[in-house]
Amino acid sequence: MKKWKHRLPEAGSWTKMGIAKSTLRLRSAEDMAVFKRETSRSELSHWLQMLPAPFFFLFNDPLSGWFIMLYAFSFNMPFIMIQRYNRGRLQRWEKKYS
């Protein structure tokens, strides 16, 4: 996973509550809890970004509407999958070391 991870944009520091992943130091249970919370916030933000896509059918022709749906899905799903993967790893870590 590390081979392509650096190629994805990272916007954790763009919001007031967000945290840049480059500043995270996962050395304690508190650090892990912060990272787990950040993965949940990030996943939610990507799901919310996809919500308006169907409304494009109201203002555009069907081909454009489907293009926007495809774009919304293909852009956001990789990030959702990454957040779920990371959260699963954190849960396994918690179970192992708790």
C-alpha atoms as a PDB file:
ATOM      1  CA  MET A   1       0.000   0.000   0.000  1.00  0.00           C
ATOM      2  CA  LYS A   2       2.864   2.380   0.641  1.00  0.00           C
ATOM      3  CA  LYS A   3       3.897   2.265  -3.017  1.00  0.00           C
ATOM      4  CA  TRP A   4       0.949   4.414  -4.143  1.00  0.00           C
ATOM      5  CA  LYS A   5      -0.185   6.033  -0.907  1.00  0.00           C
ATOM      6  CA  HIS A   6       1.860   9.191  -1.460  1.00  0.00           C
ATOM      7  CA  ARG A   7       0.119   9.799  -4.805  1.00  0.00           C
ATOM      8  CA  LEU A   8      -3.287  10.437  -3.259  1.00  0.00           C
ATOM      9  CA  PRO A   9      -4.164  13.964  -2.171  1.00  0.00           C
ATOM     10  CA  GLU A  10      -4.471  14.467   1.559  1.00  0.00           C
ATOM     11  CA  ALA A  11      -6.778  17.178   2.844  1.00  0.00           C
ATOM     12  CA  GLY A  12      -6.804  16.489   6.580  1.00  0.00           C
ATOM     13  CA  SER A  13      -5.390  19.891   7.423  1.00  0.00           C
ATOM     14  CA  TRP A  14      -7.870  21.805   5.247  1.00  0.00           C
ATOM     15  CA  THR A  15     -10.577  21.839   7.909  1.00  0.00           C
ATOM     16  CA  LYS A  16     -10.539  23.206  11.426  1.00  0.00           C
ATOM     17  CA  MET A  17     -11.050  19.769  12.984  1.00  0.00           C
ATOM     18  CA  GLY A  18      -8.894  17.867  10.489  1.00  0.00           C
ATOM     19  CA  ILE A  19      -5.383  16.608  11.048  1.00  0.00           C
ATOM     20  CA  ALA A  20      -2.671  16.237   8.437  1.00  0.00           C
ATOM     21  CA  LYS A  21      -1.613  12.594   8.323  1.00  0.00           C
ATOM     22  CA  SER A  22       2.032  13.632   8.035  1.00  0.00           C
ATOM     23  CA  THR A  23       1.831  15.114  11.550  1.00  0.00           C
ATOM     24  CA  LEU A  24       0.303  12.036  13.175  1.00  0.00           C
ATOM     25  CA  ARG A  25       2.571  10.011  15.395  1.00  0.00           C
ATOM     26  CA  LEU A  26       0.913   6.722  16.261  1.00  0.00           C
ATOM     27  CA  ARG A  27       2.783   5.938  19.449  1.00  0.00           C
ATOM     28  CA  SER A  28       0.032   5.800  22.046  1.00  0.00           C
ATOM     29  CA  ALA A  29      -3.572   4.726  22.490  1.00  0.00           C
ATOM     30  CA  GLU A  30      -4.582   8.402  22.411  1.00  0.00           C
ATOM     31  CA  ASP A  31      -2.829   8.881  19.059  1.00  0.00           C
ATOM     32  CA  MET A  32      -4.653   5.829  17.712  1.00  0.00           C
ATOM     33  CA  ALA A  33      -7.985   7.197  18.947  1.00  0.00           C
ATOM     34  CA  VAL A  34      -7.325  10.503  17.172  1.00  0.00           C
ATOM     35  CA  PHE A  35      -6.443   8.691  13.964  1.00  0.00           C
ATOM     36  CA  LYS A  36      -9.525   6.472  14.235  1.00  0.00           C
ATOM     37  CA  ARG A  37     -11.721   9.550  14.676  1.00  0.00           C
ATOM     38  CA  GLU A  38     -10.006  11.174  11.686  1.00  0.00           C
ATOM     39  CA  THR A  39     -10.676   8.134   9.483  1.00  0.00           C
ATOM     40  CA  SER A  40     -14.369   8.284  10.406  1.00  0.00           C
ATOM     41  CA  ARG A  41     -14.554  12.010   9.680  1.00  0.00           C
ATOM     42  CA  SER A  42     -12.801  11.559   6.369  1.00  0.00           C
ATOM     43  CA  GLU A  43     -15.036   8.689   5.281  1.00  0.00           C
ATOM     44  CA  LEU A  44     -18.160  10.668   6.180  1.00  0.00           C
ATOM     45  CA  SER A  45     -16.954  13.685   4.215  1.00  0.00           C
ATOM     46  CA  HIS A  46     -16.471  11.527   1.100  1.00  0.00           C
ATOM     47  CA  TRP A  47     -19.934   9.988   1.435  1.00  0.00           C
ATOM     48  CA  LEU A  48     -21.401  13.484   1.808  1.00  0.00           C
ATOM     49  CA  GLN A  49     -19.558  14.683  -1.292  1.00  0.00           C
ATOM     50  CA  MET A  50     -21.396  12.055  -3.335  1.00  0.00           C
ATOM     51  CA  LEU A  51     -24.864  12.995  -2.084  1.00  0.00           C
ATOM     52  CA  PRO A  52     -25.506  15.919  -4.471  1.00  0.00           C
ATOM     53  CA  ALA A  53     -24.524  13.971  -7.616  1.00  0.00           C
ATOM     54  CA  PRO A  54     -28.089  12.770  -8.456  1.00  0.00           C
ATOM     55  CA  PHE A  55     -29.307  16.373  -8.512  1.00  0.00           C
ATOM     56  CA  PHE A  56     -27.298  16.924 -11.691  1.00  0.00           C
ATOM     57  CA  PHE A  57     -30.003  14.963 -13.525  1.00  0.00           C
ATOM     58  CA  LEU A  58     -32.403  17.824 -12.775  1.00  0.00           C
ATOM     59  CA  PHE A  59     -30.309  20.416 -14.601  1.00  0.00           C
ATOM     60  CA  ASN A  60     -28.458  18.449 -17.266  1.00  0.00           C
ATOM     61  CA  ASP A  61     -29.081  15.880 -19.945  1.00  0.00           C
ATOM     62  CA  PRO A  62     -29.001  12.213 -18.837  1.00  0.00           C
ATOM     63  CA  LEU A  63     -25.522  11.570 -20.258  1.00  0.00           C
ATOM     64  CA  SER A  64     -24.079  14.437 -18.223  1.00  0.00           C
ATOM     65  CA  GLY A  65     -25.938  13.252 -15.129  1.00  0.00           C
ATOM     66  CA  TRP A  66     -24.458   9.761 -15.472  1.00  0.00           C
ATOM     67  CA  PHE A  67     -21.030  11.238 -16.063  1.00  0.00           C
ATOM     68  CA  ILE A  68     -21.271  13.200 -12.808  1.00  0.00           C
ATOM     69  CA  MET A  69     -22.487  10.080 -10.978  1.00  0.00           C
ATOM     70  CA  LEU A  70     -19.549   8.081 -12.337  1.00  0.00           C
ATOM     71  CA  TYR A  71     -17.126  10.860 -11.441  1.00  0.00           C
ATOM     72  CA  ALA A  72     -18.490  11.184  -7.885  1.00  0.00           C
ATOM     73  CA  PHE A  73     -18.305   7.440  -7.346  1.00  0.00           C
ATOM     74  CA  SER A  74     -14.889   6.863  -8.916  1.00  0.00           C
ATOM     75  CA  PHE A  75     -13.288   9.826  -7.154  1.00  0.00           C
ATOM     76  CA  ASN A  76     -14.657   9.179  -3.665  1.00  0.00           C
ATOM     77  CA  MET A  77     -14.772   5.386  -3.351  1.00  0.00           C
ATOM     78  CA  PRO A  78     -10.980   4.868  -3.241  1.00  0.00           C
ATOM     79  CA  PHE A  79     -10.766   7.261  -0.296  1.00  0.00           C
ATOM     80  CA  ILE A  80     -13.689   5.590   1.477  1.00  0.00           C
ATOM     81  CA  MET A  81     -12.039   2.208   0.994  1.00  0.00           C
ATOM     82  CA  ILE A  82      -8.735   3.511   2.364  1.00  0.00           C
ATOM     83  CA  GLN A  83     -10.418   4.952   5.466  1.00  0.00           C
ATOM     84  CA  ARG A  84     -12.260   1.691   6.134  1.00  0.00           C
ATOM     85  CA  TYR A  85      -9.061  -0.287   5.644  1.00  0.00           C
ATOM     86  CA  ASN A  86      -7.159   1.948   8.065  1.00  0.00           C
ATOM     87  CA  ARG A  87      -9.964   1.856  10.631  1.00  0.00           C
ATOM     88  CA  GLY A  88     -10.025  -1.954  10.437  1.00  0.00           C
ATOM     89  CA  ARG A  89      -6.289  -2.058  11.066  1.00  0.00           C
ATOM     90  CA  LEU A  90      -6.719   0.233  14.073  1.00  0.00           C
ATOM     91  CA  GLN A  91      -9.508  -1.935  15.482  1.00  0.00           C
ATOM     92  CA  ARG A  92      -7.338  -5.044  15.151  1.00  0.00           C
ATOM     93  CA  TRP A  93      -4.491  -3.168  16.874  1.00  0.00           C
ATOM     94  CA  GLU A  94      -6.825  -2.103  19.686  1.00  0.00           C
ATOM     95  CA  LYS A  95      -8.081  -5.649  20.158  1.00  0.00           C
ATOM     96  CA  LYS A  96      -4.548  -7.050  20.174  1.00  0.00           C
ATOM     97  CA  TYR A  97      -3.043  -4.507  22.602  1.00  0.00           C
ATOM     98  CA  SER A  98      -5.991  -3.726  24.875  1.00  0.00           C
END
